[in-house]
Protein backbone atom coordinates (compact mmCIF):
# COMPACT_ATOMS: atom_id res chain seq x y z
CA UNK A 1 98.59 -52.43 -210.65
CA UNK A 2 97.94 -50.19 -213.64
CA UNK A 3 99.94 -46.93 -213.70
CA UNK A 4 98.08 -43.68 -214.31
CA UNK A 5 98.60 -41.92 -217.67
CA UNK A 6 100.64 -39.19 -215.94
CA UNK A 7 103.20 -41.77 -214.82
CA UNK A 8 103.75 -42.98 -218.36
CA UNK A 9 104.04 -39.38 -219.63
CA UNK A 10 106.56 -38.43 -216.98
CA UNK A 11 109.06 -41.05 -218.16
CA UNK A 12 108.38 -40.77 -221.88
CA UNK A 13 111.06 -39.74 -224.40
CA UNK A 14 111.08 -36.04 -225.32
CA UNK A 15 113.07 -36.12 -228.59
CA UNK A 16 111.71 -38.79 -230.94
CA UNK A 17 112.81 -39.40 -234.50
CA UNK A 18 111.04 -41.72 -236.96
CA UNK A 19 112.77 -43.28 -239.96
CA UNK A 20 109.80 -45.35 -240.95
CA UNK A 21 106.51 -44.35 -242.65
CA UNK A 22 104.29 -46.47 -240.33
CA UNK A 23 106.05 -45.04 -237.37
CA UNK A 24 105.38 -41.47 -238.69
CA UNK A 25 101.70 -42.20 -238.74
CA UNK A 26 101.59 -43.59 -235.25
CA UNK A 27 103.68 -40.76 -233.76
CA UNK A 28 101.62 -38.06 -235.37
CA UNK A 29 98.49 -39.72 -233.98
CA UNK A 30 99.71 -40.67 -230.48
CA UNK A 31 102.57 -38.46 -229.38
CA UNK A 32 102.57 -34.82 -228.21
CA UNK A 33 103.76 -32.57 -231.01
CA UNK A 34 106.69 -31.32 -229.00
CA UNK A 35 107.94 -34.90 -228.55
CA UNK A 36 108.49 -35.29 -232.32
CA UNK A 37 111.86 -34.01 -233.52
CA UNK A 38 111.61 -35.36 -237.08
CA UNK A 39 109.68 -37.81 -239.24
CA UNK A 40 110.84 -39.91 -242.18
CA UNK A 41 111.30 -38.62 -245.77
CA UNK A 42 108.01 -40.40 -246.65
CA UNK A 43 105.88 -38.67 -244.00
CA UNK A 44 104.33 -36.08 -246.30
CA UNK A 45 103.80 -38.29 -249.35
CA UNK A 46 100.06 -38.00 -249.76
CA UNK A 47 99.82 -41.22 -251.86
CA UNK A 48 101.39 -43.33 -249.11
CA UNK A 49 100.88 -41.59 -245.80
CA UNK A 50 97.46 -41.34 -244.17
CA UNK A 51 98.74 -38.48 -241.96
CA UNK A 52 100.54 -36.60 -244.67
CA UNK A 53 98.81 -33.33 -244.02
CA UNK A 54 99.53 -33.34 -240.25
CA UNK A 55 103.09 -34.46 -240.89
CA UNK A 56 103.89 -31.22 -242.75
CA UNK A 57 103.97 -29.47 -239.38
CA UNK A 58 107.09 -31.39 -238.49
CA UNK A 59 110.62 -31.73 -239.95
CA UNK A 60 110.49 -34.72 -242.28
CA UNK A 61 113.92 -35.50 -243.65
CA UNK A 62 115.08 -38.32 -241.26
CA UNK A 63 116.61 -41.17 -243.22
CA UNK A 64 120.29 -41.91 -242.82
CA UNK A 65 122.11 -42.52 -239.55
CA UNK A 66 124.01 -39.29 -240.12
CA UNK A 67 120.76 -37.31 -240.29
CA UNK A 68 119.43 -38.91 -237.13
CA UNK A 69 122.64 -38.35 -235.13
CA UNK A 70 122.44 -34.65 -235.98
CA UNK A 71 118.99 -34.49 -234.37
CA UNK A 72 120.20 -35.89 -231.06
CA UNK A 73 117.08 -37.99 -230.29
CA UNK A 74 116.42 -39.99 -227.17
CA UNK A 75 114.32 -42.49 -229.16
CA UNK A 76 114.47 -43.62 -232.78
CA UNK A 77 111.52 -45.58 -234.16
CA UNK A 78 112.36 -47.70 -237.19
CA UNK A 79 110.86 -50.60 -239.14
CA UNK A 80 112.21 -54.11 -239.44
CA UNK A 81 112.75 -53.39 -243.12
CA UNK A 82 114.68 -50.15 -242.45
CA UNK A 83 118.25 -50.56 -243.74
CA UNK A 84 120.08 -52.86 -241.34
CA UNK A 85 123.25 -50.82 -241.63
CA UNK A 86 121.44 -47.70 -240.47
CA UNK A 87 119.87 -49.50 -237.50
CA UNK A 88 123.14 -51.13 -236.48
CA UNK A 89 125.07 -47.89 -236.67
CA UNK A 90 122.56 -46.07 -234.47
CA UNK A 91 122.60 -48.82 -231.86
CA UNK A 92 126.44 -48.94 -231.83
CA UNK A 93 126.45 -45.18 -231.17
CA UNK A 94 124.19 -45.79 -228.15
CA UNK A 95 120.83 -44.62 -229.45
CA UNK A 96 117.72 -46.33 -228.34
CA UNK A 97 116.09 -47.91 -231.43
CA UNK A 98 112.61 -49.39 -231.27
CA UNK A 99 111.49 -51.57 -234.22
CA UNK A 100 108.04 -51.94 -235.69
CA UNK A 101 107.23 -55.15 -237.52
CA UNK A 102 105.04 -55.44 -240.61
CA UNK A 103 101.35 -55.30 -239.68
CA UNK A 104 99.80 -58.23 -241.55
CA UNK A 105 96.52 -58.17 -239.68
CA UNK A 106 94.37 -55.91 -237.58
CA UNK A 107 95.68 -57.72 -234.46
CA UNK A 108 99.24 -56.88 -235.54
CA UNK A 109 98.27 -53.29 -236.04
CA UNK A 110 96.59 -52.97 -232.67
CA UNK A 111 99.69 -54.40 -231.03
CA UNK A 112 101.78 -51.73 -232.75
CA UNK A 113 99.41 -48.99 -231.65
CA UNK A 114 99.72 -50.13 -228.02
CA UNK A 115 103.48 -50.40 -228.36
CA UNK A 116 103.96 -46.92 -229.65
CA UNK A 117 101.38 -45.39 -227.29
CA UNK A 118 103.21 -46.89 -224.33
CA UNK A 119 106.60 -45.67 -225.78
CA UNK A 120 105.40 -42.04 -226.08
CA UNK A 121 103.70 -42.12 -222.65
CA UNK A 122 100.08 -42.00 -223.82
CA UNK A 123 98.54 -45.48 -223.58
CA UNK A 124 95.08 -43.91 -223.27
CA UNK A 125 95.42 -42.44 -226.79
CA UNK A 126 96.25 -45.90 -228.06
CA UNK A 127 93.19 -47.40 -226.49
CA UNK A 128 91.02 -44.67 -227.92
CA UNK A 129 92.38 -45.44 -231.42
CA UNK A 130 91.79 -49.15 -230.83
CA UNK A 131 88.18 -48.41 -229.91
CA UNK A 132 87.67 -46.48 -233.12
CA UNK A 133 89.02 -49.43 -235.10
CA UNK A 134 86.65 -51.79 -233.40
CA UNK A 135 83.68 -49.49 -234.00
CA UNK A 136 84.61 -49.26 -237.71
CA UNK A 137 84.93 -53.04 -237.86
CA UNK A 138 81.39 -53.34 -236.52
CA UNK A 139 80.06 -50.85 -239.11
CA UNK A 140 81.85 -52.76 -241.94
CA UNK A 141 80.48 -56.09 -240.81
CA UNK A 142 76.96 -54.65 -240.74
CA UNK A 143 77.29 -53.41 -244.34
CA UNK A 144 78.74 -56.63 -245.70
CA UNK A 145 76.88 -58.19 -248.62
CA UNK A 146 75.35 -61.58 -247.83
CA UNK A 147 76.43 -63.18 -251.10
CA UNK A 148 80.18 -62.56 -250.44
CA UNK A 149 81.26 -61.51 -253.91
CA UNK A 150 84.81 -62.32 -254.98
CA UNK A 151 87.48 -59.61 -255.22
CA UNK A 152 91.16 -59.37 -255.86
CA UNK A 153 93.54 -56.56 -255.17
CA UNK A 154 95.31 -55.83 -258.44
CA UNK A 155 98.28 -53.47 -258.19
CA UNK A 156 101.06 -52.08 -260.29
CA UNK A 157 102.78 -54.53 -262.71
CA UNK A 158 100.16 -57.15 -261.89
CA UNK A 159 100.88 -57.71 -258.22
CA UNK A 160 97.98 -59.39 -256.44
CA UNK A 161 97.64 -59.15 -252.59
CA UNK A 162 97.49 -62.55 -251.00
CA UNK A 163 95.19 -63.99 -248.38
CA UNK A 164 97.39 -63.64 -245.31
CA UNK A 165 97.58 -59.87 -245.45
CA UNK A 166 96.02 -56.82 -243.79
CA UNK A 167 94.13 -55.92 -246.99
CA UNK A 168 92.82 -59.48 -247.27
CA UNK A 169 91.43 -59.23 -243.73
CA UNK A 170 89.79 -55.89 -244.44
CA UNK A 171 88.11 -57.27 -247.47
CA UNK A 172 86.80 -60.26 -245.52
CA UNK A 173 85.39 -58.05 -242.79
CA UNK A 174 83.57 -55.97 -245.47
CA UNK A 175 81.99 -59.13 -246.82
CA UNK A 176 84.17 -59.98 -249.80
CA UNK A 177 85.79 -63.30 -250.67
CA UNK A 178 89.45 -62.59 -251.35
CA UNK A 179 90.35 -64.35 -254.61
CA UNK A 180 93.93 -63.10 -254.02
CA UNK A 181 94.73 -66.25 -252.01
CA UNK A 182 93.73 -68.39 -255.01
CA UNK A 183 95.65 -66.28 -257.48
CA UNK A 184 98.74 -65.42 -255.43
CA UNK A 185 98.87 -67.53 -252.30
CA UNK A 186 98.92 -66.27 -248.72
CA UNK A 187 101.64 -63.61 -249.15
CA UNK A 188 100.86 -62.29 -252.63
CA UNK A 189 102.66 -62.48 -255.97
CA UNK A 190 102.74 -61.15 -259.50
CA UNK A 191 99.89 -62.62 -261.53
CA UNK A 192 99.75 -62.51 -265.38
CA UNK A 193 96.78 -60.70 -266.85
CA UNK A 194 95.81 -63.90 -268.69
CA UNK A 195 94.99 -65.57 -265.36
CA UNK A 196 92.80 -62.69 -264.27
CA UNK A 197 90.95 -62.72 -267.57
CA UNK A 198 90.52 -66.57 -267.62
CA UNK A 199 88.87 -66.64 -264.19
CA UNK A 200 87.93 -63.15 -263.25
CA UNK A 201 86.79 -62.28 -259.73
CA UNK A 202 83.59 -60.34 -259.41
CA UNK A 203 85.54 -57.13 -258.60
CA UNK A 204 89.07 -55.89 -258.68
CA UNK A 205 90.42 -53.57 -256.00
CA UNK A 206 92.66 -50.80 -257.33
CA UNK A 207 94.45 -47.87 -255.68
CA UNK A 208 93.14 -45.24 -258.09
CA UNK A 209 90.36 -44.78 -260.58
CA UNK A 210 92.44 -43.37 -263.43
CA UNK A 211 91.87 -45.00 -266.81
CA UNK A 212 95.20 -43.80 -268.30
CA UNK A 213 98.60 -45.35 -267.71
CA UNK A 214 100.75 -42.84 -265.93
CA UNK A 215 103.91 -44.96 -266.24
CA UNK A 216 105.00 -48.50 -267.14
CA UNK A 217 104.06 -49.79 -263.72
CA UNK A 218 100.42 -48.83 -264.12
CA UNK A 219 100.13 -49.67 -267.81
CA UNK A 220 98.76 -53.14 -267.08
CA UNK A 221 95.81 -51.67 -265.10
CA UNK A 222 94.79 -49.74 -268.25
CA UNK A 223 94.88 -52.77 -270.52
CA UNK A 224 91.81 -52.97 -272.81
CA UNK A 225 90.96 -56.52 -271.68
CA UNK A 226 90.90 -55.44 -268.09
CA UNK A 227 88.87 -52.40 -268.88
CA UNK A 228 86.33 -54.54 -270.75
CA UNK A 229 85.81 -56.94 -267.88
CA UNK A 230 86.06 -54.36 -265.15
CA UNK A 231 84.19 -51.15 -266.00
CA UNK A 232 84.09 -48.56 -263.19
CA UNK A 233 81.12 -50.25 -261.44
CA UNK A 234 83.15 -53.46 -261.04
CA UNK A 235 86.19 -51.67 -259.59
CA UNK A 236 86.61 -50.96 -255.91
CA UNK A 237 88.95 -48.00 -255.48
CA UNK A 238 90.89 -48.35 -252.20
CA UNK A 239 93.58 -45.62 -251.89
CA UNK A 240 96.96 -47.03 -251.06
CA UNK A 241 97.47 -44.70 -248.02
CA UNK A 242 94.60 -46.54 -246.24
CA UNK A 243 96.31 -49.91 -246.25
CA UNK A 244 100.09 -49.36 -246.43
CA UNK A 245 100.46 -49.28 -242.68
CA UNK A 246 97.15 -49.80 -240.91
CA UNK A 247 97.11 -48.21 -237.48
CA UNK A 248 95.50 -44.74 -237.67
CA UNK A 249 94.15 -45.42 -241.18
CA UNK A 250 92.17 -48.55 -240.26
CA UNK A 251 88.92 -46.83 -239.31
CA UNK A 252 88.95 -44.92 -242.57
CA UNK A 253 89.80 -48.06 -244.57
CA UNK A 254 87.01 -50.11 -242.97
CA UNK A 255 84.48 -47.31 -243.49
CA UNK A 256 85.62 -46.92 -247.16
CA UNK A 257 85.12 -50.59 -247.85
CA UNK A 258 81.73 -50.55 -246.07
CA UNK A 259 80.68 -47.70 -248.35
CA UNK A 260 81.80 -49.74 -251.40
CA UNK A 261 79.87 -52.73 -250.13
CA UNK A 262 76.72 -50.58 -249.85
CA UNK A 263 77.29 -49.16 -253.35
CA UNK A 264 77.56 -52.67 -254.84
CA UNK A 265 74.39 -53.82 -253.13
CA UNK A 266 72.34 -50.86 -254.36
CA UNK A 267 73.75 -50.89 -257.99
CA UNK A 268 71.29 -52.11 -260.61
């Protein structure tokens, strides 16, 4: 028998701390504001966090075990890549720690949404977010180009996103063939510029449209050879904050890629 939403809310934690960026986004989207005691130090980073603006309403300095203990939470939400020493110390001190895995697909992300929605006592909010994701998936599929152009996600220092990744799945839904799997395998890897130039995909997907190198990490993206092959019309700009975590950002990510697919089909 399914429990009513009020039953979940009655037993939900009232002092939640997040020490993980993806947990930040899920808590901001699914929990009551007064349930959130603090978010992670990355919560308000507008380049990484989809919910950065909303996160500014909360304390956002949770990182070390010492910081968390001082906040006296009844639930700590962490990631599987959060420092093991931090997680172990909190558990030894008797704190309830829930872990979020890496979302490598939409299915993984939906499972996380439902996990956190149940934890905070609002499964109905989780289902509403899942419905928005599915609606956005339908819109992206409808906008997909029939010729399935090739694309590769090219990031700082030449890192290419692989095929078995959330971004790879988003590209496929939007009608692109992800060359990342050919260039960097299923998980992704660093790929020399020479390989990109020798067999260039139709499009590259980048996190920003800037033409200037802001630091050494982005210098490769401003290389003249890459600029020649990929002028602005052959670049798909997909902000990093839309794909770092998935979850609440997925509807926006799918709509963004659908818009790019329509642009490509109407370009001369």
